[in-house]
PDB file of N, CA and C in Angstrom:
ATOM      1  N   MET A   1     -26.500 -49.913   0.275  1.00  0.00           N
ATOM      2  CA  MET A   1     -26.671 -48.622   0.916  1.00  0.00           C
ATOM      3  C   MET A   1     -27.765 -48.733   1.973  1.00  0.00           C
ATOM      4  N   SER A   2     -27.576 -48.002   3.035  1.00  0.00           N
ATOM      5  CA  SER A   2     -28.590 -48.011   4.077  1.00  0.00           C
ATOM      6  C   SER A   2     -29.744 -47.110   3.659  1.00  0.00           C
ATOM      7  N   GLN A   3     -30.837 -47.282   4.320  1.00  0.00           N
ATOM      8  CA  GLN A   3     -32.026 -46.500   3.987  1.00  0.00           C
ATOM      9  C   GLN A   3     -31.793 -45.007   4.228  1.00  0.00           C
ATOM     10  N   LYS A   4     -30.981 -44.692   5.219  1.00  0.00           N
ATOM     11  CA  LYS A   4     -30.685 -43.291   5.539  1.00  0.00           C
ATOM     12  C   LYS A   4     -29.942 -42.624   4.380  1.00  0.00           C
ATOM     13  N   LYS A   5     -28.972 -43.330   3.811  1.00  0.00           N
ATOM     14  CA  LYS A   5     -28.215 -42.789   2.683  1.00  0.00           C
ATOM     15  C   LYS A   5     -29.105 -42.658   1.451  1.00  0.00           C
ATOM     16  N   VAL A   6     -29.980 -43.598   1.256  1.00  0.00           N
ATOM     17  CA  VAL A   6     -30.892 -43.564   0.107  1.00  0.00           C
ATOM     18  C   VAL A   6     -31.821 -42.361   0.233  1.00  0.00           C
ATOM     19  N   ASP A   7     -32.360 -42.127   1.422  1.00  0.00           N
ATOM     20  CA  ASP A   7     -33.248 -40.982   1.630  1.00  0.00           C
ATOM     21  C   ASP A   7     -32.501 -39.657   1.426  1.00  0.00           C
ATOM     22  N   ALA A   8     -31.249 -39.598   1.896  1.00  0.00           N
ATOM     23  CA  ALA A   8     -30.453 -38.378   1.715  1.00  0.00           C
ATOM     24  C   ALA A   8     -30.195 -38.134   0.233  1.00  0.00           C
ATOM     25  N   TYR A   9     -29.908 -39.179  -0.501  1.00  0.00           N
ATOM     26  CA  TYR A   9     -29.657 -39.037  -1.936  1.00  0.00           C
ATOM     27  C   TYR A   9     -30.917 -38.575  -2.659  1.00  0.00           C
ATOM     28  N   LYS A  10     -32.058 -39.131  -2.289  1.00  0.00           N
ATOM     29  CA  LYS A  10     -33.328 -38.727  -2.908  1.00  0.00           C
ATOM     30  C   LYS A  10     -33.628 -37.250  -2.619  1.00  0.00           C
ATOM     31  N   ASP A  11     -33.358 -36.819  -1.376  1.00  0.00           N
ATOM     32  CA  ASP A  11     -33.571 -35.407  -1.029  1.00  0.00           C
ATOM     33  C   ASP A  11     -32.639 -34.512  -1.841  1.00  0.00           C
ATOM     34  N   TYR A  12     -31.394 -34.965  -1.989  1.00  0.00           N
ATOM     35  CA  TYR A  12     -30.432 -34.179  -2.768  1.00  0.00           C
ATOM     36  C   TYR A  12     -30.896 -34.067  -4.223  1.00  0.00           C
ATOM     37  N   LYS A  13     -31.335 -35.191  -4.792  1.00  0.00           N
ATOM     38  CA  LYS A  13     -31.795 -35.178  -6.182  1.00  0.00           C
ATOM     39  C   LYS A  13     -33.025 -34.286  -6.353  1.00  0.00           C
ATOM     40  N   LYS A  14     -33.905 -34.342  -5.370  1.00  0.00           N
ATOM     41  CA  LYS A  14     -35.142 -33.567  -5.454  1.00  0.00           C
ATOM     42  C   LYS A  14     -34.848 -32.065  -5.344  1.00  0.00           C
ATOM     43  N   ASN A  15     -33.895 -31.673  -4.502  1.00  0.00           N
ATOM     44  CA  ASN A  15     -33.586 -30.258  -4.274  1.00  0.00           C
ATOM     45  C   ASN A  15     -32.267 -29.831  -4.941  1.00  0.00           C
ATOM     46  N   LYS A  16     -31.833 -30.590  -5.923  1.00  0.00           N
ATOM     47  CA  LYS A  16     -30.542 -30.340  -6.557  1.00  0.00           C
ATOM     48  C   LYS A  16     -30.457 -28.930  -7.135  1.00  0.00           C
ATOM     49  N   ASP A  17     -31.494 -28.471  -7.795  1.00  0.00           N
ATOM     50  CA  ASP A  17     -31.465 -27.128  -8.398  1.00  0.00           C
ATOM     51  C   ASP A  17     -31.296 -26.045  -7.331  1.00  0.00           C
ATOM     52  N   LYS A  18     -32.023 -26.159  -6.233  1.00  0.00           N
ATOM     53  CA  LYS A  18     -31.919 -25.171  -5.154  1.00  0.00           C
ATOM     54  C   LYS A  18     -30.540 -25.208  -4.512  1.00  0.00           C
ATOM     55  N   ILE A  19     -30.020 -26.405  -4.277  1.00  0.00           N
ATOM     56  CA  ILE A  19     -28.712 -26.556  -3.639  1.00  0.00           C
ATOM     57  C   ILE A  19     -27.625 -25.963  -4.524  1.00  0.00           C
ATOM     58  N   LEU A  20     -27.651 -26.268  -5.813  1.00  0.00           N
ATOM     59  CA  LEU A  20     -26.645 -25.742  -6.732  1.00  0.00           C
ATOM     60  C   LEU A  20     -26.756 -24.223  -6.863  1.00  0.00           C
ATOM     61  N   LYS A  21     -27.988 -23.713  -6.849  1.00  0.00           N
ATOM     62  CA  LYS A  21     -28.188 -22.267  -6.932  1.00  0.00           C
ATOM     63  C   LYS A  21     -27.589 -21.569  -5.710  1.00  0.00           C
ATOM     64  N   LYS A  22     -27.774 -22.139  -4.518  1.00  0.00           N
ATOM     65  CA  LYS A  22     -27.208 -21.574  -3.296  1.00  0.00           C
ATOM     66  C   LYS A  22     -25.687 -21.620  -3.334  1.00  0.00           C
ATOM     67  N   GLU A  23     -25.130 -22.730  -3.802  1.00  0.00           N
ATOM     68  CA  GLU A  23     -23.676 -22.854  -3.882  1.00  0.00           C
ATOM     69  C   GLU A  23     -23.080 -21.840  -4.851  1.00  0.00           C
ATOM     70  N   LYS A  24     -23.737 -21.644  -6.001  1.00  0.00           N
ATOM     71  CA  LYS A  24     -23.259 -20.658  -6.975  1.00  0.00           C
ATOM     72  C   LYS A  24     -23.332 -19.248  -6.400  1.00  0.00           C
ATOM     73  N   ALA A  25     -24.421 -18.955  -5.682  1.00  0.00           N
ATOM     74  CA  ALA A  25     -24.568 -17.623  -5.074  1.00  0.00           C
ATOM     75  C   ALA A  25     -23.484 -17.400  -4.023  1.00  0.00           C
ATOM     76  N   LYS A  26     -23.196 -18.426  -3.233  1.00  0.00           N
ATOM     77  CA  LYS A  26     -22.158 -18.314  -2.214  1.00  0.00           C
ATOM     78  C   LYS A  26     -20.798 -18.099  -2.866  1.00  0.00           C
ATOM     79  N   THR A  27     -20.511 -18.816  -3.934  1.00  0.00           N
ATOM     80  CA  THR A  27     -19.236 -18.665  -4.648  1.00  0.00           C
ATOM     81  C   THR A  27     -19.115 -17.269  -5.243  1.00  0.00           C
ATOM     82  N   ARG A  28     -20.186 -16.774  -5.843  1.00  0.00           N
ATOM     83  CA  ARG A  28     -20.157 -15.414  -6.406  1.00  0.00           C
ATOM     84  C   ARG A  28     -19.926 -14.370  -5.318  1.00  0.00           C
ATOM     85  N   PHE A  29     -20.570 -14.544  -4.183  1.00  0.00           N
ATOM     86  CA  PHE A  29     -20.379 -13.614  -3.069  1.00  0.00           C
ATOM     87  C   PHE A  29     -18.933 -13.619  -2.591  1.00  0.00           C
ATOM     88  N   GLU A  30     -18.352 -14.804  -2.457  1.00  0.00           N
ATOM     89  CA  GLU A  30     -16.961 -14.907  -2.011  1.00  0.00           C
ATOM     90  C   GLU A  30     -16.011 -14.242  -3.004  1.00  0.00           C
ATOM     91  N   ILE A  31     -16.208 -14.488  -4.284  1.00  0.00           N
ATOM     92  CA  ILE A  31     -15.359 -13.876  -5.308  1.00  0.00           C
ATOM     93  C   ILE A  31     -15.530 -12.358  -5.306  1.00  0.00           C
ATOM     94  N   GLY A  32     -16.754 -11.891  -5.152  1.00  0.00           N
ATOM     95  CA  GLY A  32     -17.010 -10.453  -5.092  1.00  0.00           C
ATOM     96  C   GLY A  32     -16.349  -9.801  -3.882  1.00  0.00           C
ATOM     97  N   ALA A  33     -16.422 -10.466  -2.732  1.00  0.00           N
ATOM     98  CA  ALA A  33     -15.807  -9.926  -1.523  1.00  0.00           C
ATOM     99  C   ALA A  33     -14.290  -9.861  -1.677  1.00  0.00           C
ATOM    100  N   ILE A  34     -13.703 -10.896  -2.257  1.00  0.00           N
ATOM    101  CA  ILE A  34     -12.257 -10.903  -2.489  1.00  0.00           C
ATOM    102  C   ILE A  34     -11.877  -9.790  -3.460  1.00  0.00           C
ATOM    103  N   ALA A  35     -12.683  -9.589  -4.495  1.00  0.00           N
ATOM    104  CA  ALA A  35     -12.396  -8.532  -5.470  1.00  0.00           C
ATOM    105  C   ALA A  35     -12.464  -7.146  -4.813  1.00  0.00           C
ATOM    106  N   VAL A  36     -13.434  -6.934  -3.944  1.00  0.00           N
ATOM    107  CA  VAL A  36     -13.561  -5.648  -3.258  1.00  0.00           C
ATOM    108  C   VAL A  36     -12.364  -5.399  -2.342  1.00  0.00           C
ATOM    109  N   VAL A  37     -11.932  -6.409  -1.620  1.00  0.00           N
ATOM    110  CA  VAL A  37     -10.775  -6.266  -0.729  1.00  0.00           C
ATOM    111  C   VAL A  37      -9.516  -5.967  -1.544  1.00  0.00           C
ATOM    112  N   CYS A  38      -9.323  -6.688  -2.644  1.00  0.00           N
ATOM    113  CA  CYS A  38      -8.143  -6.450  -3.487  1.00  0.00           C
ATOM    114  C   CYS A  38      -8.183  -5.040  -4.096  1.00  0.00           C
ATOM    115  N   ALA A  39      -9.338  -4.616  -4.573  1.00  0.00           N
ATOM    116  CA  ALA A  39      -9.463  -3.279  -5.153  1.00  0.00           C
ATOM    117  C   ALA A  39      -9.172  -2.209  -4.103  1.00  0.00           C
ATOM    118  N   ALA A  40      -9.677  -2.394  -2.894  1.00  0.00           N
ATOM    119  CA  ALA A  40      -9.412  -1.425  -1.822  1.00  0.00           C
ATOM    120  C   ALA A  40      -7.922  -1.365  -1.505  1.00  0.00           C
ATOM    121  N   PHE A  41      -7.257  -2.508  -1.489  1.00  0.00           N
ATOM    122  CA  PHE A  41      -5.819  -2.544  -1.218  1.00  0.00           C
ATOM    123  C   PHE A  41      -5.042  -1.797  -2.300  1.00  0.00           C
ATOM    124  N   PHE A  42      -5.343  -2.062  -3.570  1.00  0.00           N
ATOM    125  CA  PHE A  42      -4.621  -1.411  -4.652  1.00  0.00           C
ATOM    126  C   PHE A  42      -4.910   0.087  -4.714  1.00  0.00           C
ATOM    127  N   ILE A  43      -6.124   0.488  -4.418  1.00  0.00           N
ATOM    128  CA  ILE A  43      -6.453   1.912  -4.371  1.00  0.00           C
ATOM    129  C   ILE A  43      -5.677   2.579  -3.244  1.00  0.00           C
ATOM    130  N   TRP A  44      -5.595   1.944  -2.085  1.00  0.00           N
ATOM    131  CA  TRP A  44      -4.844   2.490  -0.953  1.00  0.00           C
ATOM    132  C   TRP A  44      -3.362   2.633  -1.294  1.00  0.00           C
ATOM    133  N   VAL A  45      -2.776   1.615  -1.915  1.00  0.00           N
ATOM    134  CA  VAL A  45      -1.360   1.679  -2.297  1.00  0.00           C
ATOM    135  C   VAL A  45      -1.145   2.785  -3.320  1.00  0.00           C
ATOM    136  N   GLY A  46      -2.012   2.870  -4.321  1.00  0.00           N
ATOM    137  CA  GLY A  46      -1.888   3.907  -5.336  1.00  0.00           C
ATOM    138  C   GLY A  46      -2.009   5.301  -4.753  1.00  0.00           C
ATOM    139  N   PHE A  47      -2.935   5.487  -3.850  1.00  0.00           N
ATOM    140  CA  PHE A  47      -3.118   6.788  -3.224  1.00  0.00           C
ATOM    141  C   PHE A  47      -1.904   7.162  -2.381  1.00  0.00           C
ATOM    142  N   SER A  48      -1.353   6.188  -1.657  1.00  0.00           N
ATOM    143  CA  SER A  48      -0.170   6.452  -0.838  1.00  0.00           C
ATOM    144  C   SER A  48       1.014   6.859  -1.706  1.00  0.00           C
ATOM    145  N   VAL A  49       1.218   6.155  -2.809  1.00  0.00           N
ATOM    146  CA  VAL A  49       2.316   6.484  -3.716  1.00  0.00           C
ATOM    147  C   VAL A  49       2.101   7.873  -4.310  1.00  0.00           C
ATOM    148  N   TYR A  50       0.876   8.183  -4.689  1.00  0.00           N
ATOM    149  CA  TYR A  50       0.573   9.495  -5.261  1.00  0.00           C
ATOM    150  C   TYR A  50       0.858  10.603  -4.245  1.00  0.00           C
ATOM    151  N   GLN A  51       0.459  10.396  -2.996  1.00  0.00           N
ATOM    152  CA  GLN A  51       0.708  11.411  -1.970  1.00  0.00           C
ATOM    153  C   GLN A  51       2.198  11.630  -1.755  1.00  0.00           C
ATOM    154  N   LYS A  52       2.969  10.566  -1.732  1.00  0.00           N
ATOM    155  CA  LYS A  52       4.412  10.704  -1.526  1.00  0.00           C
ATOM    156  C   LYS A  52       5.077  11.389  -2.719  1.00  0.00           C
ATOM    157  N   ALA A  53       4.566  11.146  -3.919  1.00  0.00           N
ATOM    158  CA  ALA A  53       5.179  11.700  -5.123  1.00  0.00           C
ATOM    159  C   ALA A  53       4.855  13.180  -5.298  1.00  0.00           C
ATOM    160  N   THR A  54       3.759  13.641  -4.762  1.00  0.00           N
ATOM    161  CA  THR A  54       3.331  15.023  -4.982  1.00  0.00           C
ATOM    162  C   THR A  54       3.449  15.899  -3.743  1.00  0.00           C
ATOM    163  N   VAL A  55       4.326  15.561  -2.837  1.00  0.00           N
ATOM    164  CA  VAL A  55       4.515  16.365  -1.626  1.00  0.00           C
ATOM    165  C   VAL A  55       5.176  17.687  -2.014  1.00  0.00           C
ATOM    166  N   LYS A  56       4.594  18.784  -1.566  1.00  0.00           N
ATOM    167  CA  LYS A  56       5.157  20.103  -1.829  1.00  0.00           C
ATOM    168  C   LYS A  56       5.967  20.539  -0.616  1.00  0.00           C
ATOM    169  N   ALA A  57       7.116  21.152  -0.886  1.00  0.00           N
ATOM    170  CA  ALA A  57       7.966  21.626   0.207  1.00  0.00           C
ATOM    171  C   ALA A  57       7.357  22.881   0.814  1.00  0.00           C
ATOM    172  N   PRO A  58       7.368  22.991   2.125  1.00  0.00           N
ATOM    173  CA  PRO A  58       6.866  24.213   2.766  1.00  0.00           C
ATOM    174  C   PRO A  58       7.720  25.413   2.370  1.00  0.00           C
ATOM    175  N   GLU A  59       7.121  26.585   2.408  1.00  0.00           N
ATOM    176  CA  GLU A  59       7.820  27.807   2.007  1.00  0.00           C
ATOM    177  C   GLU A  59       9.011  28.109   2.913  1.00  0.00           C
ATOM    178  N   ALA A  60       8.933  27.738   4.184  1.00  0.00           N
ATOM    179  CA  ALA A  60      10.018  28.035   5.115  1.00  0.00           C
ATOM    180  C   ALA A  60      11.286  27.265   4.734  1.00  0.00           C
ATOM    181  N   GLU A  61      11.142  26.067   4.252  1.00  0.00           N
ATOM    182  CA  GLU A  61      12.304  25.283   3.863  1.00  0.00           C
ATOM    183  C   GLU A  61      12.881  25.750   2.534  1.00  0.00           C
ATOM    184  N   ALA A  62      12.066  26.357   1.709  1.00  0.00           N
ATOM    185  CA  ALA A  62      12.511  26.784   0.395  1.00  0.00           C
ATOM    186  C   ALA A  62      13.331  28.074   0.465  1.00  0.00           C
ATOM    187  N   ALA A  63      13.211  28.828   1.549  1.00  0.00           N
ATOM    188  CA  ALA A  63      13.938  30.082   1.679  1.00  0.00           C
ATOM    189  C   ALA A  63      15.431  29.814   1.868  1.00  0.00           C
ATOM    190  N   VAL A  64      16.258  30.585   1.161  1.00  0.00           N
ATOM    191  CA  VAL A  64      17.711  30.432   1.244  1.00  0.00           C
ATOM    192  C   VAL A  64      18.255  31.544   2.126  1.00  0.00           C
ATOM    193  N   THR A  65      19.108  31.174   3.058  1.00  0.00           N
ATOM    194  CA  THR A  65      19.720  32.177   3.929  1.00  0.00           C
ATOM    195  C   THR A  65      21.212  32.231   3.625  1.00  0.00           C
ATOM    196  N   ALA A  66      21.761  33.443   3.624  1.00  0.00           N
ATOM    197  CA  ALA A  66      23.186  33.642   3.360  1.00  0.00           C
ATOM    198  C   ALA A  66      23.862  34.076   4.652  1.00  0.00           C
ATOM    199  N   THR A  67      25.042  33.542   4.887  1.00  0.00           N
ATOM    200  CA  THR A  67      25.808  33.869   6.087  1.00  0.00           C
ATOM    201  C   THR A  67      27.201  34.316   5.666  1.00  0.00           C
ATOM    202  N   GLU A  68      27.634  35.449   6.202  1.00  0.00           N
ATOM    203  CA  GLU A  68      28.971  35.940   5.886  1.00  0.00           C
ATOM    204  C   GLU A  68      29.954  35.430   6.922  1.00  0.00           C
ATOM    205  N   VAL A  69      31.137  35.013   6.456  1.00  0.00           N
ATOM    206  CA  VAL A  69      32.159  34.474   7.334  1.00  0.00           C
ATOM    207  C   VAL A  69      33.433  35.282   7.134  1.00  0.00           C
ATOM    208  N   ASN A  70      34.036  35.688   8.228  1.00  0.00           N
ATOM    209  CA  ASN A  70      35.296  36.416   8.187  1.00  0.00           C
ATOM    210  C   ASN A  70      36.430  35.393   8.228  1.00  0.00           C
ATOM    211  N   MET A  71      37.173  35.255   7.140  1.00  0.00           N
ATOM    212  CA  MET A  71      38.208  34.233   7.030  1.00  0.00           C
ATOM    213  C   MET A  71      39.621  34.782   7.235  1.00  0.00           C
ATOM    214  N   THR A  72      39.775  36.013   7.632  1.00  0.00           N
ATOM    215  CA  THR A  72      41.116  36.601   7.738  1.00  0.00           C
ATOM    216  C   THR A  72      41.980  35.898   8.776  1.00  0.00           C
ATOM    217  N   ASP A  73      41.435  35.570   9.924  1.00  0.00           N
ATOM    218  CA  ASP A  73      42.219  34.878  10.942  1.00  0.00           C
ATOM    219  C   ASP A  73      42.672  33.505  10.457  1.00  0.00           C
ATOM    220  N   TYR A  74      41.825  32.814   9.775  1.00  0.00           N
ATOM    221  CA  TYR A  74      42.167  31.491   9.257  1.00  0.00           C
ATOM    222  C   TYR A  74      43.261  31.597   8.202  1.00  0.00           C
ATOM    223  N   ILE A  75      43.143  32.566   7.321  1.00  0.00           N
ATOM    224  CA  ILE A  75      44.138  32.749   6.262  1.00  0.00           C
ATOM    225  C   ILE A  75      45.501  33.110   6.866  1.00  0.00           C
ATOM    226  N   GLU A  76      45.513  33.971   7.873  1.00  0.00           N
ATOM    227  CA  GLU A  76      46.767  34.335   8.534  1.00  0.00           C
ATOM    228  C   GLU A  76      47.405  33.124   9.212  1.00  0.00           C
ATOM    229  N   TYR A  77      46.597  32.318   9.866  1.00  0.00           N
ATOM    230  CA  TYR A  77      47.107  31.119  10.532  1.00  0.00           C
ATOM    231  C   TYR A  77      47.707  30.152   9.519  1.00  0.00           C
ATOM    232  N   MET A  78      47.006  29.953   8.428  1.00  0.00           N
ATOM    233  CA  MET A  78      47.489  29.015   7.411  1.00  0.00           C
ATOM    234  C   MET A  78      48.774  29.517   6.741  1.00  0.00           C
ATOM    235  N   SER A  79      48.886  30.827   6.587  1.00  0.00           N
ATOM    236  CA  SER A  79      50.087  31.358   5.947  1.00  0.00           C
ATOM    237  C   SER A  79      51.304  31.237   6.850  1.00  0.00           C
ATOM    238  N   GLU A  80      51.104  31.150   8.161  1.00  0.00           N
ATOM    239  CA  GLU A  80      52.203  31.003   9.101  1.00  0.00           C
ATOM    240  C   GLU A  80      52.727  29.577   9.198  1.00  0.00           C
ATOM    241  N   LEU A  81      51.986  28.610   8.713  1.00  0.00           N
ATOM    242  CA  LEU A  81      52.425  27.222   8.783  1.00  0.00           C
ATOM    243  C   LEU A  81      53.602  27.017   7.844  1.00  0.00           C
ATOM    244  N   PRO A  82      54.580  26.189   8.240  1.00  0.00           N
ATOM    245  CA  PRO A  82      55.806  26.018   7.435  1.00  0.00           C
ATOM    246  C   PRO A  82      55.565  25.235   6.142  1.00  0.00           C
ATOM    247  N   TYR A  83      54.502  24.452   6.052  1.00  0.00           N
ATOM    248  CA  TYR A  83      54.306  23.627   4.864  1.00  0.00           C
ATOM    249  C   TYR A  83      53.551  24.362   3.773  1.00  0.00           C
ATOM    250  N   GLY A  84      53.043  25.494   4.039  1.00  0.00           N
ATOM    251  CA  GLY A  84      52.372  26.299   3.023  1.00  0.00           C
ATOM    252  C   GLY A  84      50.991  25.802   2.627  1.00  0.00           C
ATOM    253  N   TYR A  85      50.300  25.234   3.553  1.00  0.00           N
ATOM    254  CA  TYR A  85      48.947  24.791   3.222  1.00  0.00           C
ATOM    255  C   TYR A  85      48.127  25.995   3.017  1.00  0.00           C
TER     256      TYR A  85
END
């Protein structure tokens, strides 16, 4: 091994606890960030589904209108047909 590699290894051994602590903190942060993003996504999907499921119809659409139709002309026309429809 070259002297440069030996010095790097000695530095790593000397600061191993600090290096491992930083790596663990970085890993925890990454996992936490991923968990927050996933939770936000699932909350958004759940809220969207809830909104679609609980939509109330406006009162104007719920009103029923009745229309009267005069069918006498149609009945007379149909009775004049030779096939008796």
